[in-house]
N, C-alpha and C. Protein backbone atom coordinates (compact mmCIF):
# COMPACT_ATOMS: atom_id res chain seq x y z
N MET A 1 54.14 -54.47 27.61
CA MET A 1 53.53 -53.19 27.33
C MET A 1 52.66 -53.28 26.07
N ALA A 2 51.66 -52.45 26.04
CA ALA A 2 50.79 -52.39 24.88
C ALA A 2 51.47 -51.68 23.73
N ASP A 3 51.05 -51.99 22.51
CA ASP A 3 51.60 -51.32 21.34
C ASP A 3 51.05 -49.92 21.16
N TYR A 4 49.89 -49.67 21.77
CA TYR A 4 49.26 -48.36 21.65
C TYR A 4 48.79 -47.90 23.02
N ILE A 5 49.14 -46.69 23.38
CA ILE A 5 48.68 -46.08 24.63
C ILE A 5 48.27 -44.65 24.31
N ASP A 6 47.06 -44.30 24.70
CA ASP A 6 46.58 -42.92 24.53
C ASP A 6 47.16 -42.09 25.68
N LEU A 7 48.02 -41.15 25.35
CA LEU A 7 48.68 -40.35 26.37
C LEU A 7 47.73 -39.47 27.16
N PHE A 8 46.62 -39.09 26.56
CA PHE A 8 45.75 -38.10 27.18
C PHE A 8 44.47 -38.65 27.78
N ASP A 9 44.24 -39.97 27.68
CA ASP A 9 43.03 -40.51 28.30
C ASP A 9 43.26 -40.72 29.80
N ASP A 10 42.22 -41.11 30.49
CA ASP A 10 42.29 -41.24 31.95
C ASP A 10 42.70 -42.63 32.43
N SER A 11 43.00 -43.55 31.51
CA SER A 11 43.35 -44.91 31.92
C SER A 11 44.84 -45.07 32.16
N ASN A 12 45.18 -46.08 32.94
CA ASN A 12 46.56 -46.51 33.20
C ASN A 12 47.39 -45.53 34.03
N TRP A 13 46.77 -44.58 34.69
CA TRP A 13 47.51 -43.69 35.59
C TRP A 13 47.68 -44.38 36.93
N GLN A 14 48.81 -44.17 37.56
CA GLN A 14 49.06 -44.73 38.89
C GLN A 14 49.77 -43.68 39.74
N MET A 15 49.73 -43.89 41.01
CA MET A 15 50.40 -42.97 41.93
C MET A 15 51.90 -43.03 41.69
N ALA A 16 52.58 -41.91 41.90
CA ALA A 16 54.03 -41.81 41.71
C ALA A 16 54.66 -41.28 43.00
N PRO A 17 54.65 -42.09 44.07
CA PRO A 17 55.14 -41.61 45.37
C PRO A 17 56.63 -41.28 45.38
N GLU A 18 57.38 -41.76 44.38
CA GLU A 18 58.80 -41.40 44.30
C GLU A 18 58.99 -39.91 43.98
N TYR A 19 57.92 -39.26 43.51
CA TYR A 19 57.94 -37.81 43.26
C TYR A 19 57.30 -37.08 44.43
N THR A 20 56.00 -37.27 44.62
CA THR A 20 55.26 -36.74 45.76
C THR A 20 54.02 -37.60 45.93
N SER A 21 53.32 -37.40 47.00
CA SER A 21 52.13 -38.22 47.25
C SER A 21 51.00 -37.92 46.26
N GLN A 22 51.05 -36.78 45.58
CA GLN A 22 49.98 -36.43 44.65
C GLN A 22 50.36 -36.59 43.19
N ALA A 23 51.63 -36.80 42.88
CA ALA A 23 52.05 -36.96 41.47
C ALA A 23 51.53 -38.29 40.93
N ARG A 24 51.27 -38.31 39.63
CA ARG A 24 50.77 -39.52 38.97
C ARG A 24 51.63 -39.80 37.75
N LYS A 25 51.71 -41.08 37.38
CA LYS A 25 52.51 -41.48 36.22
C LYS A 25 51.76 -42.51 35.40
N LYS A 26 52.09 -42.52 34.12
CA LYS A 26 51.60 -43.52 33.18
C LYS A 26 52.85 -44.13 32.56
N VAL A 27 53.12 -45.41 32.85
CA VAL A 27 54.31 -46.08 32.33
C VAL A 27 54.06 -46.46 30.87
N LEU A 28 54.93 -45.96 29.98
CA LEU A 28 54.79 -46.23 28.56
C LEU A 28 55.72 -47.35 28.11
N HIS A 29 56.90 -47.44 28.74
CA HIS A 29 57.89 -48.46 28.37
C HIS A 29 58.83 -48.67 29.56
N ASP A 30 59.16 -49.93 29.84
CA ASP A 30 60.08 -50.22 30.94
C ASP A 30 60.75 -51.57 30.70
N GLU A 31 61.76 -51.58 29.85
CA GLU A 31 62.53 -52.80 29.63
C GLU A 31 63.83 -52.49 28.90
N GLY A 32 64.80 -53.38 29.06
CA GLY A 32 66.07 -53.24 28.36
C GLY A 32 66.85 -51.99 28.70
N GLY A 33 66.73 -51.50 29.93
CA GLY A 33 67.49 -50.31 30.32
C GLY A 33 66.88 -49.00 29.86
N LEU A 34 65.69 -49.04 29.29
CA LEU A 34 64.99 -47.84 28.85
C LEU A 34 63.65 -47.76 29.57
N LYS A 35 63.40 -46.62 30.23
CA LYS A 35 62.12 -46.41 30.90
C LYS A 35 61.55 -45.08 30.43
N ILE A 36 60.28 -45.11 30.04
CA ILE A 36 59.59 -43.91 29.56
C ILE A 36 58.27 -43.81 30.31
N ILE A 37 58.04 -42.64 30.92
CA ILE A 37 56.78 -42.41 31.61
C ILE A 37 56.20 -41.06 31.21
N LEU A 38 54.91 -40.95 31.37
CA LEU A 38 54.23 -39.68 31.31
C LEU A 38 54.00 -39.29 32.77
N LEU A 39 54.45 -38.12 33.18
CA LEU A 39 54.39 -37.69 34.57
C LEU A 39 53.47 -36.49 34.68
N LYS A 40 52.49 -36.60 35.56
CA LYS A 40 51.53 -35.52 35.79
C LYS A 40 51.87 -34.87 37.12
N LEU A 41 52.34 -33.61 37.06
CA LEU A 41 52.66 -32.86 38.27
C LEU A 41 51.44 -32.08 38.71
N HIS A 42 51.15 -32.11 39.98
CA HIS A 42 50.03 -31.38 40.55
C HIS A 42 50.41 -29.93 40.80
N ALA A 43 49.43 -29.07 40.92
CA ALA A 43 49.69 -27.67 41.27
C ALA A 43 50.38 -27.63 42.62
N GLY A 44 51.44 -26.84 42.72
CA GLY A 44 52.21 -26.75 43.94
C GLY A 44 53.30 -27.81 44.07
N PHE A 45 53.57 -28.54 43.00
CA PHE A 45 54.59 -29.59 43.00
C PHE A 45 55.94 -29.02 43.42
N ASN A 46 56.68 -29.80 44.21
CA ASN A 46 58.01 -29.39 44.67
C ASN A 46 58.84 -30.65 44.88
N LEU A 47 60.03 -30.72 44.27
CA LEU A 47 60.91 -31.88 44.39
C LEU A 47 62.34 -31.40 44.61
N ALA A 48 63.01 -31.98 45.58
CA ALA A 48 64.38 -31.60 45.93
C ALA A 48 65.37 -31.99 44.82
N PRO A 49 66.54 -31.35 44.80
CA PRO A 49 67.59 -31.74 43.84
C PRO A 49 67.97 -33.21 44.02
N HIS A 50 68.33 -33.86 42.92
CA HIS A 50 68.68 -35.27 42.96
C HIS A 50 69.47 -35.63 41.71
N SER A 51 69.92 -36.87 41.62
CA SER A 51 70.59 -37.38 40.42
C SER A 51 70.16 -38.83 40.22
N HIS A 52 70.54 -39.40 39.08
CA HIS A 52 70.19 -40.78 38.74
C HIS A 52 71.42 -41.51 38.23
N LEU A 53 71.33 -42.82 38.21
CA LEU A 53 72.42 -43.65 37.69
C LEU A 53 72.46 -43.67 36.17
N MET A 54 71.40 -43.17 35.54
CA MET A 54 71.34 -43.15 34.08
C MET A 54 70.91 -41.77 33.60
N SER A 55 71.01 -41.53 32.31
CA SER A 55 70.61 -40.24 31.76
C SER A 55 69.10 -40.06 31.86
N GLU A 56 68.65 -38.82 31.82
CA GLU A 56 67.23 -38.50 31.92
C GLU A 56 66.91 -37.37 30.96
N GLN A 57 65.75 -37.47 30.31
CA GLN A 57 65.30 -36.42 29.39
C GLN A 57 63.87 -36.03 29.76
N HIS A 58 63.55 -34.76 29.58
CA HIS A 58 62.20 -34.25 29.83
C HIS A 58 61.69 -33.56 28.57
N VAL A 59 60.44 -33.82 28.23
CA VAL A 59 59.72 -33.06 27.21
C VAL A 59 58.46 -32.55 27.89
N ILE A 60 58.34 -31.23 28.01
CA ILE A 60 57.18 -30.65 28.70
C ILE A 60 56.05 -30.50 27.68
N LEU A 61 55.00 -31.32 27.87
CA LEU A 61 53.88 -31.36 26.93
C LEU A 61 52.81 -30.33 27.26
N LYS A 62 52.56 -30.11 28.53
CA LYS A 62 51.56 -29.13 28.98
C LYS A 62 52.07 -28.46 30.25
N GLY A 63 51.72 -27.21 30.41
CA GLY A 63 52.10 -26.49 31.62
C GLY A 63 53.56 -26.07 31.60
N GLU A 64 54.11 -25.92 32.79
CA GLU A 64 55.52 -25.53 32.92
C GLU A 64 56.03 -25.93 34.28
N TYR A 65 57.35 -25.98 34.41
CA TYR A 65 57.97 -26.16 35.71
C TYR A 65 59.19 -25.29 35.81
N GLU A 66 59.61 -25.06 37.06
CA GLU A 66 60.82 -24.31 37.33
C GLU A 66 61.88 -25.30 37.78
N GLY A 67 63.06 -25.20 37.19
CA GLY A 67 64.18 -26.05 37.57
C GLY A 67 65.45 -25.22 37.60
N GLU A 68 66.23 -25.37 38.65
CA GLU A 68 67.47 -24.61 38.80
C GLU A 68 67.24 -23.11 38.65
N GLY A 69 66.07 -22.65 39.11
CA GLY A 69 65.77 -21.22 39.09
C GLY A 69 65.31 -20.66 37.76
N GLN A 70 65.09 -21.53 36.75
CA GLN A 70 64.64 -21.08 35.43
C GLN A 70 63.31 -21.75 35.11
N VAL A 71 62.40 -21.01 34.47
CA VAL A 71 61.10 -21.56 34.10
C VAL A 71 61.20 -22.21 32.72
N PHE A 72 60.68 -23.46 32.61
CA PHE A 72 60.66 -24.19 31.36
C PHE A 72 59.21 -24.41 30.96
N PRO A 73 58.77 -23.73 29.88
CA PRO A 73 57.37 -23.80 29.47
C PRO A 73 57.07 -25.00 28.58
N GLU A 74 55.81 -25.16 28.29
CA GLU A 74 55.33 -26.15 27.34
C GLU A 74 56.19 -26.12 26.08
N GLY A 75 56.59 -27.29 25.60
CA GLY A 75 57.42 -27.38 24.41
C GLY A 75 58.91 -27.44 24.70
N SER A 76 59.30 -27.32 25.97
CA SER A 76 60.73 -27.36 26.33
C SER A 76 61.23 -28.80 26.34
N TYR A 77 62.52 -28.94 26.00
CA TYR A 77 63.21 -30.23 26.08
C TYR A 77 64.43 -30.03 26.96
N ARG A 78 64.66 -30.98 27.88
CA ARG A 78 65.84 -30.92 28.76
C ARG A 78 66.50 -32.28 28.81
N SER A 79 67.81 -32.29 28.99
CA SER A 79 68.57 -33.53 29.05
C SER A 79 69.58 -33.46 30.19
N PHE A 80 69.68 -34.54 30.95
CA PHE A 80 70.62 -34.63 32.07
C PHE A 80 71.44 -35.89 31.91
N LYS A 81 72.75 -35.78 32.11
CA LYS A 81 73.63 -36.94 32.03
C LYS A 81 73.50 -37.78 33.30
N ALA A 82 73.91 -39.03 33.23
CA ALA A 82 73.94 -39.89 34.41
C ALA A 82 74.76 -39.21 35.50
N HIS A 83 74.29 -39.27 36.73
CA HIS A 83 74.93 -38.71 37.92
C HIS A 83 74.90 -37.18 37.98
N GLN A 84 74.31 -36.51 36.99
CA GLN A 84 74.22 -35.05 36.99
C GLN A 84 73.10 -34.62 37.94
N LYS A 85 73.44 -33.80 38.93
CA LYS A 85 72.43 -33.30 39.86
C LYS A 85 71.52 -32.32 39.13
N HIS A 86 70.21 -32.44 39.35
CA HIS A 86 69.25 -31.53 38.75
C HIS A 86 68.11 -31.26 39.73
N GLY A 87 67.52 -30.07 39.57
CA GLY A 87 66.51 -29.63 40.50
C GLY A 87 67.07 -28.53 41.38
N PRO A 88 66.30 -28.02 42.32
CA PRO A 88 64.96 -28.46 42.66
C PRO A 88 63.96 -28.11 41.56
N PHE A 89 62.84 -28.83 41.58
CA PHE A 89 61.78 -28.62 40.60
C PHE A 89 60.53 -28.13 41.32
N LYS A 90 59.85 -27.17 40.70
CA LYS A 90 58.59 -26.64 41.23
C LYS A 90 57.64 -26.44 40.06
N SER A 91 56.35 -26.59 40.32
CA SER A 91 55.35 -26.26 39.32
C SER A 91 54.17 -25.61 40.03
N LYS A 92 53.97 -24.36 39.74
CA LYS A 92 52.91 -23.60 40.40
C LYS A 92 51.53 -24.14 40.03
N ASP A 93 51.30 -24.38 38.73
CA ASP A 93 49.97 -24.79 38.25
C ASP A 93 49.92 -26.23 37.76
N GLY A 94 51.02 -26.99 37.87
CA GLY A 94 51.05 -28.37 37.39
C GLY A 94 51.60 -28.45 35.98
N ALA A 95 51.92 -29.67 35.56
CA ALA A 95 52.49 -29.90 34.23
C ALA A 95 52.33 -31.36 33.84
N LEU A 96 52.46 -31.61 32.55
CA LEU A 96 52.47 -32.96 32.00
C LEU A 96 53.80 -33.13 31.28
N ILE A 97 54.62 -34.09 31.72
CA ILE A 97 55.98 -34.22 31.23
C ILE A 97 56.25 -35.65 30.76
N LEU A 98 56.84 -35.79 29.59
CA LEU A 98 57.33 -37.07 29.11
C LEU A 98 58.75 -37.20 29.66
N VAL A 99 59.00 -38.26 30.45
CA VAL A 99 60.29 -38.48 31.08
C VAL A 99 60.89 -39.77 30.53
N ILE A 100 62.15 -39.69 30.08
CA ILE A 100 62.84 -40.83 29.48
C ILE A 100 64.15 -41.06 30.22
N TRP A 101 64.36 -42.29 30.70
CA TRP A 101 65.63 -42.66 31.33
C TRP A 101 66.28 -43.74 30.47
N GLY A 102 67.58 -43.65 30.33
CA GLY A 102 68.32 -44.68 29.61
C GLY A 102 69.78 -44.61 30.00
N THR A 103 70.52 -45.60 29.60
CA THR A 103 71.94 -45.66 29.95
C THR A 103 72.77 -44.73 29.10
C-alpha cells in the first residue's frame, strides 16, 4: 500500500460487488488482520442484514445511511462486534463511508 492516498480524488476506485453492482471502494489498508476501505454508496443503495467474522466500524464522511431503522448522518460513528448481525442498510442519496475491519 502507498503511504499517502487522497481520499477524495478519483483514482484507485474499484467496483465493490460484495455490496452491490454499483458500489465502489478504495482500499486504504489490507494486511495483518486489519482492512480499511473507503466505500462509496450509490443513491438507492440497499444491503441485506449480515455479520462478519471480525469487528467492523463505520465513519460516515458524507451523506447518510439508514441501518436497523435509524438514520445515521454525516459525522456518525458505528461499531459492530464480530458475529454481530447488522443491517439492513439503505441510502436514499448515497454516502461515503470509512469502513474498518479487524479482529
